[in-house]
Amino acid sequence: MSSPALSLGAAARLAGSPVRALKPLGGGRNSQVYRLETEEDRVFALKAYFRHAGDPRDRLGTEFSALRFLWERGLRCVPQPLAMDAEAGLGLYEFIEGRPQPQPAEADLDAAWGFLVGLRDLASDPAARSLPEASEACFSLRDVAQNIQSRLDRLGAVDSRLAQESGLAAFLNRDLGPAWLELLDDCQGVCLRSGLAFDAPLPQAQRTLSPSDFGFHNALKRAEGMVFLDFEYFGWDDPAKMLADFLLHPGMELTLRQRQRFAAGLIDHLDLDTLPLRTRLSFPLFGIKWCLILLNEFLKGSLDRRAFADFEARGAEERQAQQLEKARLKLRHLLDDHAHFPYFPL
């Protein structure tokens, strides 16, 4: 694992003033986030980004460039990017004085889908053409299926003793694996009946800009309204993936009514004819993917990343047991939702 040595000198150079206090903040899954206070009584958010030889993604460069693109186009519901040090893996941002909204009000939900609609509008900006694809962007159902199979293969290669003793092997072989094959077969069958090609890529004109890890787990509310955080995976993506991920995200505990309101607002205002059907088709696939993401704790690179970001320094076995139980619960909910899809009519 490669993590930046967080020196006060590097932080002071970014802030342009000696550092009075540096307080770690919770909530970061892949990075370390701090409240930085200078001797001049200025307050910033300092982010130290995880870097690993097995994960070449430039989280700092992606997030800083994304926020600069959005800020320059007048969006103020994201933090202002202020300075970065690529060598040290550090980014300095506006500090958001706000509160988490685990149970958002209707206005907060409307602000969330409104922000995504605004990103879709910015997709026509000529400068957007130079922005990268979102992390693990999928532009066809075949892309999604291949991504899931790759994740399954990686988990299948986990140390056999660990897999057996933890219960991972039993879950993959008895529950998740068979469910994946059945859901994939259902998806391909509906594609054939509906005329929507399983392997056809989504045309560029129907793609959008996406934070790729969007929701109220990455948001704060201040007096002016919602502020959306974490753009490490930002880029071009499929609106169906964006919607399905919001509905499925395990980091939020929203009610059915809240998810329905968000889905209705996004579908109505994006005004893409095939979005409801494509979201419905991809929903169970992305649900399986979320089960697999929850099981990343069994993979070496993800263990390093979580250990880097986790100030509580929980042990690997504890995190693995917790995530395996979450994956079991997510699969049960997914199969229920697939049988009685409750989020929007087709």
Protein backbone atom coordinates (compact mmCIF):
# COMPACT_ATOMS: atom_id res chain seq x y z
CA MET A 1 0.00 0.00 0.00
CA SER A 2 1.20 3.48 -0.83
CA SER A 3 -0.23 6.28 1.28
CA PRO A 4 0.91 9.87 1.44
CA ALA A 5 2.94 10.80 4.49
CA LEU A 6 0.67 13.58 5.68
CA SER A 7 3.18 16.24 6.65
CA LEU A 8 2.09 19.55 8.10
CA GLY A 9 4.53 21.17 5.71
CA ALA A 10 2.74 19.85 2.63
CA ALA A 11 -0.62 20.82 4.11
CA ALA A 12 0.65 24.31 4.92
CA ARG A 13 1.97 24.80 1.38
CA LEU A 14 -1.44 23.94 -0.06
CA ALA A 15 -3.26 26.19 2.40
CA GLY A 16 -0.76 29.03 2.02
CA SER A 17 -0.42 29.39 5.79
CA PRO A 18 0.97 27.45 8.80
CA VAL A 19 -1.38 24.79 10.11
CA ARG A 20 -2.89 25.30 13.55
CA ALA A 21 -4.94 22.10 13.71
CA LEU A 22 -5.59 19.04 11.58
CA LYS A 23 -8.57 16.95 12.65
CA PRO A 24 -9.49 13.64 10.98
CA LEU A 25 -13.10 13.36 9.85
CA GLY A 26 -15.07 10.16 9.46
CA GLY A 27 -16.91 8.99 6.37
CA GLY A 28 -14.16 8.48 3.82
CA ARG A 29 -14.17 4.98 2.32
CA ASN A 30 -11.15 5.32 0.06
CA SER A 31 -9.36 8.41 1.36
CA GLN A 32 -8.50 10.24 4.54
CA VAL A 33 -10.37 13.52 5.06
CA TYR A 34 -9.31 16.21 7.53
CA ARG A 35 -10.54 19.54 8.80
CA LEU A 36 -7.57 21.86 8.37
CA GLU A 37 -7.40 25.09 10.36
CA THR A 38 -4.65 27.61 9.63
CA GLU A 39 -2.96 30.17 11.86
CA GLU A 40 -4.92 32.80 9.92
CA ASP A 41 -8.23 31.30 11.13
CA ARG A 42 -9.14 29.86 7.74
CA VAL A 43 -10.71 26.40 7.53
CA PHE A 44 -10.37 23.92 4.65
CA ALA A 45 -11.06 20.29 3.87
CA LEU A 46 -7.84 18.38 3.19
CA LYS A 47 -8.10 15.02 1.46
CA ALA A 48 -5.30 12.43 1.33
CA TYR A 49 -5.98 9.99 -1.51
CA PHE A 50 -5.35 6.26 -1.41
CA ARG A 51 -2.87 4.96 -3.97
CA HIS A 52 -2.04 1.34 -4.68
CA ALA A 53 0.05 -0.38 -7.36
CA GLY A 54 -2.87 -2.66 -8.18
CA ASP A 55 -5.32 0.24 -8.63
CA PRO A 56 -4.08 2.80 -11.15
CA ARG A 57 -7.09 5.14 -10.88
CA ASP A 58 -6.11 8.77 -10.35
CA ARG A 59 -8.69 9.63 -7.69
CA LEU A 60 -7.15 13.01 -6.90
CA GLY A 61 -6.87 14.11 -10.53
CA THR A 62 -10.39 12.92 -11.35
CA GLU A 63 -12.05 14.61 -8.39
CA PHE A 64 -10.17 17.88 -8.60
CA SER A 65 -10.75 18.21 -12.35
CA ALA A 66 -14.42 17.30 -12.03
CA LEU A 67 -15.06 19.86 -9.30
CA ARG A 68 -13.15 22.52 -11.21
CA PHE A 69 -15.26 21.78 -14.34
CA LEU A 70 -18.49 22.06 -12.33
CA TRP A 71 -17.41 25.09 -10.32
CA GLU A 72 -16.35 26.98 -13.45
CA ARG A 73 -19.85 26.41 -14.87
CA GLY A 74 -21.55 27.98 -11.92
CA LEU A 75 -22.50 24.96 -9.80
CA ARG A 76 -22.27 25.82 -6.12
CA CYS A 77 -23.75 22.63 -4.70
CA VAL A 78 -20.27 21.06 -4.78
CA PRO A 79 -17.12 22.03 -2.82
CA GLN A 80 -14.80 24.53 -4.46
CA PRO A 81 -11.47 22.92 -5.43
CA LEU A 82 -8.63 25.10 -4.21
CA ALA A 83 -5.24 23.42 -4.62
CA MET A 84 -3.70 20.01 -5.19
CA ASP A 85 -0.35 18.31 -4.79
CA ALA A 86 -0.24 15.33 -7.14
CA GLU A 87 3.10 14.07 -5.82
CA ALA A 88 1.89 14.02 -2.22
CA GLY A 89 -1.59 12.80 -3.17
CA LEU A 90 -3.30 15.72 -1.42
CA GLY A 91 -6.24 17.92 -2.40
CA LEU A 92 -7.44 21.09 -0.67
CA TYR A 93 -11.12 22.03 -0.87
CA GLU A 94 -13.70 24.38 0.57
CA PHE A 95 -14.82 23.10 3.96
CA ILE A 96 -18.55 22.47 3.98
CA GLU A 97 -20.25 23.34 7.26
CA GLY A 98 -23.26 21.09 6.95
CA ARG A 99 -25.19 18.19 8.40
CA PRO A 100 -25.69 14.69 7.03
CA GLN A 101 -29.21 13.96 5.80
CA PRO A 102 -29.80 10.24 6.34
CA GLN A 103 -33.55 10.86 5.99
CA PRO A 104 -33.79 13.64 3.39
CA ALA A 105 -36.83 15.82 3.00
CA GLU A 106 -38.71 16.02 -0.29
CA ALA A 107 -36.80 19.19 -1.19
CA ASP A 108 -33.50 17.37 -0.62
CA LEU A 109 -34.55 14.51 -2.91
CA ASP A 110 -35.56 17.02 -5.56
CA ALA A 111 -32.19 18.76 -5.20
CA ALA A 112 -30.47 15.41 -5.72
CA TRP A 113 -32.21 14.48 -8.96
CA GLY A 114 -32.01 18.12 -10.03
CA PHE A 115 -28.23 18.02 -9.67
CA LEU A 116 -28.04 14.93 -11.90
CA VAL A 117 -30.29 16.61 -14.47
CA GLY A 118 -27.87 19.55 -14.40
CA LEU A 119 -24.97 17.19 -15.10
CA ARG A 120 -26.88 15.82 -18.07
CA ASP A 121 -27.31 19.39 -19.38
CA LEU A 122 -23.56 19.95 -19.04
CA ALA A 123 -22.91 16.90 -21.21
CA SER A 124 -23.43 19.14 -24.24
CA ASP A 125 -20.67 21.52 -23.13
CA PRO A 126 -17.74 21.21 -25.60
CA ALA A 127 -15.28 20.96 -22.70
CA ALA A 128 -17.10 17.88 -21.41
CA ARG A 129 -15.75 15.87 -24.33
CA SER A 130 -12.33 15.78 -22.69
CA LEU A 131 -13.68 14.36 -19.44
CA PRO A 132 -12.96 10.67 -18.80
CA GLU A 133 -15.39 7.81 -18.54
CA ALA A 134 -16.67 7.22 -15.01
CA SER A 135 -15.01 4.47 -13.02
CA GLU A 136 -16.30 1.11 -14.32
CA ALA A 137 -18.65 2.83 -16.74
CA CYS A 138 -20.90 0.37 -18.54
CA PHE A 139 -22.56 1.35 -21.82
CA SER A 140 -24.28 -1.96 -22.61
CA LEU A 141 -25.84 -4.75 -20.61
CA ARG A 142 -23.08 -7.01 -21.88
CA ASP A 143 -20.54 -4.61 -20.33
CA VAL A 144 -22.35 -4.92 -17.00
CA ALA A 145 -22.41 -8.72 -17.22
CA GLN A 146 -18.72 -8.90 -18.04
CA ASN A 147 -17.86 -6.60 -15.14
CA ILE A 148 -19.87 -8.79 -12.76
CA GLN A 149 -18.30 -11.98 -14.02
CA SER A 150 -14.84 -10.48 -13.57
CA ARG A 151 -15.69 -9.58 -9.97
CA LEU A 152 -17.02 -13.08 -9.35
CA ASP A 153 -13.84 -14.57 -10.76
CA ARG A 154 -11.68 -12.43 -8.46
CA LEU A 155 -13.68 -13.46 -5.41
CA GLY A 156 -13.52 -17.09 -6.53
CA ALA A 157 -9.74 -16.87 -6.45
CA VAL A 158 -9.63 -15.79 -2.79
CA ASP A 159 -7.56 -18.04 -0.53
CA SER A 160 -9.60 -21.25 -0.19
CA ARG A 161 -9.14 -21.53 3.56
CA LEU A 162 -10.33 -17.95 4.11
CA ALA A 163 -13.29 -18.50 1.78
CA GLN A 164 -14.35 -21.70 3.55
CA GLU A 165 -13.87 -20.55 7.14
CA SER A 166 -15.51 -17.15 6.63
CA GLY A 167 -18.58 -18.53 4.85
CA LEU A 168 -17.75 -16.68 1.64
CA ALA A 169 -17.47 -19.84 -0.45
CA ALA A 170 -20.85 -21.15 0.70
CA PHE A 171 -22.54 -17.83 -0.06
CA LEU A 172 -21.03 -17.61 -3.54
CA ASN A 173 -21.74 -21.23 -4.47
CA ARG A 174 -25.19 -21.67 -2.96
CA ASP A 175 -26.74 -18.23 -3.13
CA LEU A 176 -25.09 -15.49 -5.13
CA GLY A 177 -23.79 -17.59 -8.05
CA PRO A 178 -27.11 -19.30 -8.85
CA ALA A 179 -29.02 -16.01 -8.41
CA TRP A 180 -26.64 -14.28 -10.82
CA LEU A 181 -27.16 -16.88 -13.55
CA GLU A 182 -30.94 -16.75 -13.15
CA LEU A 183 -31.10 -12.96 -13.23
CA LEU A 184 -28.79 -12.79 -16.25
CA ASP A 185 -30.98 -15.29 -18.09
CA ASP A 186 -34.08 -13.22 -17.24
CA CYS A 187 -32.41 -10.06 -18.53
CA GLN A 188 -31.39 -11.64 -21.82
CA GLY A 189 -34.88 -13.06 -22.27
CA VAL A 190 -36.56 -9.67 -21.77
CA CYS A 191 -34.09 -8.12 -24.21
CA LEU A 192 -35.13 -10.60 -26.87
CA ARG A 193 -38.83 -10.00 -26.26
CA SER A 194 -38.58 -6.21 -26.06
CA GLY A 195 -36.18 -5.65 -28.95
CA LEU A 196 -33.58 -3.94 -26.74
CA ALA A 197 -30.17 -5.28 -27.74
CA PHE A 198 -28.20 -6.86 -24.90
CA ASP A 199 -24.83 -6.01 -26.44
CA ALA A 200 -25.51 -2.70 -28.22
CA PRO A 201 -23.59 0.23 -26.71
CA LEU A 202 -25.58 3.26 -25.58
CA PRO A 203 -25.22 6.10 -28.14
CA GLN A 204 -23.08 9.02 -27.02
CA ALA A 205 -26.07 11.37 -27.25
CA GLN A 206 -27.84 9.41 -24.50
CA ARG A 207 -24.90 9.27 -22.09
CA THR A 208 -24.47 11.62 -19.15
CA LEU A 209 -21.92 12.91 -16.68
CA SER A 210 -22.15 11.07 -13.38
CA PRO A 211 -20.50 11.21 -9.93
CA SER A 212 -20.66 7.38 -10.09
CA ASP A 213 -21.00 7.12 -6.29
CA PHE A 214 -23.93 9.42 -5.74
CA GLY A 215 -26.33 9.71 -2.84
CA PHE A 216 -26.98 11.16 0.58
CA HIS A 217 -24.09 9.15 2.02
CA ASN A 218 -21.95 11.65 0.08
CA ALA A 219 -23.85 14.84 0.85
CA LEU A 220 -24.23 17.53 3.50
CA LYS A 221 -26.94 20.10 3.99
CA ARG A 222 -26.11 23.69 4.82
CA ALA A 223 -28.31 26.80 4.97
CA GLU A 224 -28.12 27.31 1.20
CA GLY A 225 -29.16 23.72 0.46
CA MET A 226 -27.60 20.36 -0.34
CA VAL A 227 -23.90 20.00 -1.17
CA PHE A 228 -22.76 16.84 -2.95
CA LEU A 229 -19.36 15.32 -2.20
CA ASP A 230 -16.96 12.67 -3.49
CA PHE A 231 -16.21 12.87 -7.20
CA GLU A 232 -13.29 10.43 -7.27
CA TYR A 233 -15.07 8.27 -9.88
CA PHE A 234 -16.71 11.07 -11.90
CA GLY A 235 -17.12 10.88 -15.67
CA TRP A 236 -19.25 9.73 -18.58
CA ASP A 237 -21.73 6.98 -17.78
CA ASP A 238 -25.10 5.43 -18.57
CA PRO A 239 -28.09 7.22 -16.96
CA ALA A 240 -29.67 3.79 -16.29
CA LYS A 241 -26.64 2.83 -14.20
CA MET A 242 -26.81 6.16 -12.40
CA LEU A 243 -30.46 5.62 -11.45
CA ALA A 244 -30.13 1.92 -10.59
CA ASP A 245 -27.11 2.61 -8.38
CA PHE A 246 -29.02 5.26 -6.42
CA LEU A 247 -31.94 2.89 -5.85
CA LEU A 248 -29.62 0.06 -4.81
CA HIS A 249 -26.90 1.87 -2.88
CA PRO A 250 -26.27 0.16 0.49
CA GLY A 251 -24.92 3.37 1.97
CA MET A 252 -28.42 4.88 2.24
CA GLU A 253 -31.46 3.78 4.20
CA LEU A 254 -34.19 5.56 2.27
CA THR A 255 -37.85 4.67 2.39
CA LEU A 256 -39.63 3.26 -0.63
CA ARG A 257 -41.51 6.55 -1.05
CA GLN A 258 -38.23 8.50 -1.07
CA ARG A 259 -36.72 6.24 -3.72
CA GLN A 260 -39.89 6.48 -5.80
CA ARG A 261 -39.85 10.28 -5.64
CA PHE A 262 -36.21 10.42 -6.71
CA ALA A 263 -36.79 7.98 -9.59
CA ALA A 264 -39.89 9.84 -10.80
CA GLY A 265 -38.10 13.17 -10.80
CA LEU A 266 -35.05 11.89 -12.64
CA ILE A 267 -37.02 9.93 -15.25
CA ASP A 268 -39.40 12.83 -15.93
CA HIS A 269 -36.70 15.48 -16.28
CA LEU A 270 -34.01 13.51 -18.11
CA ASP A 271 -36.66 12.73 -20.72
CA LEU A 272 -34.91 9.69 -22.23
CA ASP A 273 -37.48 7.33 -23.74
CA THR A 274 -35.68 4.08 -23.03
CA LEU A 275 -34.46 5.00 -19.53
CA PRO A 276 -37.23 3.23 -17.54
CA LEU A 277 -36.90 -0.06 -19.45
CA ARG A 278 -33.11 -0.03 -19.47
CA THR A 279 -33.02 0.76 -15.77
CA ARG A 280 -35.46 -2.04 -15.04
CA LEU A 281 -33.38 -4.50 -17.08
CA SER A 282 -30.08 -3.49 -15.54
CA PHE A 283 -31.39 -3.14 -11.98
CA PRO A 284 -30.94 -6.81 -10.96
CA LEU A 285 -27.52 -6.93 -12.61
CA PHE A 286 -26.32 -3.89 -10.72
CA GLY A 287 -27.87 -5.40 -7.60
CA ILE A 288 -25.59 -8.41 -7.97
CA LYS A 289 -22.69 -6.05 -8.54
CA TRP A 290 -23.47 -4.26 -5.28
CA CYS A 291 -23.42 -7.61 -3.47
CA LEU A 292 -19.96 -8.18 -4.91
CA ILE A 293 -18.78 -4.67 -4.02
CA LEU A 294 -19.78 -5.37 -0.42
CA LEU A 295 -17.53 -8.44 -0.57
CA ASN A 296 -14.49 -6.44 -1.67
CA GLU A 297 -13.25 -6.75 1.91
CA PHE A 298 -11.98 -10.20 0.97
CA LEU A 299 -9.69 -8.79 -1.75
CA LYS A 300 -6.17 -7.67 -0.88
CA GLY A 301 -6.23 -4.28 -2.60
CA SER A 302 -9.57 -3.35 -1.05
CA LEU A 303 -8.37 -4.40 2.39
CA ASP A 304 -5.44 -2.02 2.01
CA ARG A 305 -7.72 0.78 0.84
CA ARG A 306 -10.18 0.34 3.71
CA ALA A 307 -7.35 0.10 6.25
CA PHE A 308 -5.94 3.36 4.87
CA ALA A 309 -9.27 5.21 5.13
CA ASP A 310 -10.59 3.63 8.35
CA PHE A 311 -9.49 5.77 11.30
CA GLU A 312 -11.13 3.24 13.64
CA ALA A 313 -8.65 0.59 12.42
CA ARG A 314 -11.05 -2.32 12.65
CA GLY A 315 -9.61 -5.76 11.98
CA ALA A 316 -9.96 -7.46 8.61
CA GLU A 317 -11.96 -10.37 10.01
CA GLU A 318 -14.49 -8.05 11.62
CA ARG A 319 -14.96 -6.07 8.40
CA GLN A 320 -15.27 -9.26 6.34
CA ALA A 321 -17.93 -10.75 8.62
CA GLN A 322 -19.92 -7.51 8.57
CA GLN A 323 -19.74 -7.16 4.81
CA LEU A 324 -20.70 -10.79 4.20
CA GLU A 325 -23.84 -10.31 6.28
CA LYS A 326 -24.63 -7.12 4.38
CA ALA A 327 -24.22 -8.97 1.07
CA ARG A 328 -26.61 -11.69 2.22
CA LEU A 329 -29.21 -9.09 3.16
CA LYS A 330 -28.69 -7.14 -0.06
CA LEU A 331 -29.26 -10.29 -2.13
CA ARG A 332 -32.52 -11.09 -0.30
CA HIS A 333 -33.82 -7.55 -0.87
CA LEU A 334 -32.71 -7.62 -4.50
CA LEU A 335 -34.61 -10.81 -5.27
CA ASP A 336 -37.72 -9.37 -3.61
CA ASP A 337 -37.43 -6.15 -5.63
CA HIS A 338 -36.88 -8.09 -8.83
CA ALA A 339 -40.02 -10.15 -8.26
CA HIS A 340 -42.16 -7.11 -7.37
CA PHE A 341 -40.39 -4.07 -8.80
CA PRO A 342 -41.70 -1.13 -6.72
CA TYR A 343 -39.82 1.95 -7.87
CA PHE A 344 -41.54 3.18 -11.04
CA PRO A 345 -44.04 1.88 -13.59
CA LEU A 346 -42.93 0.76 -17.04
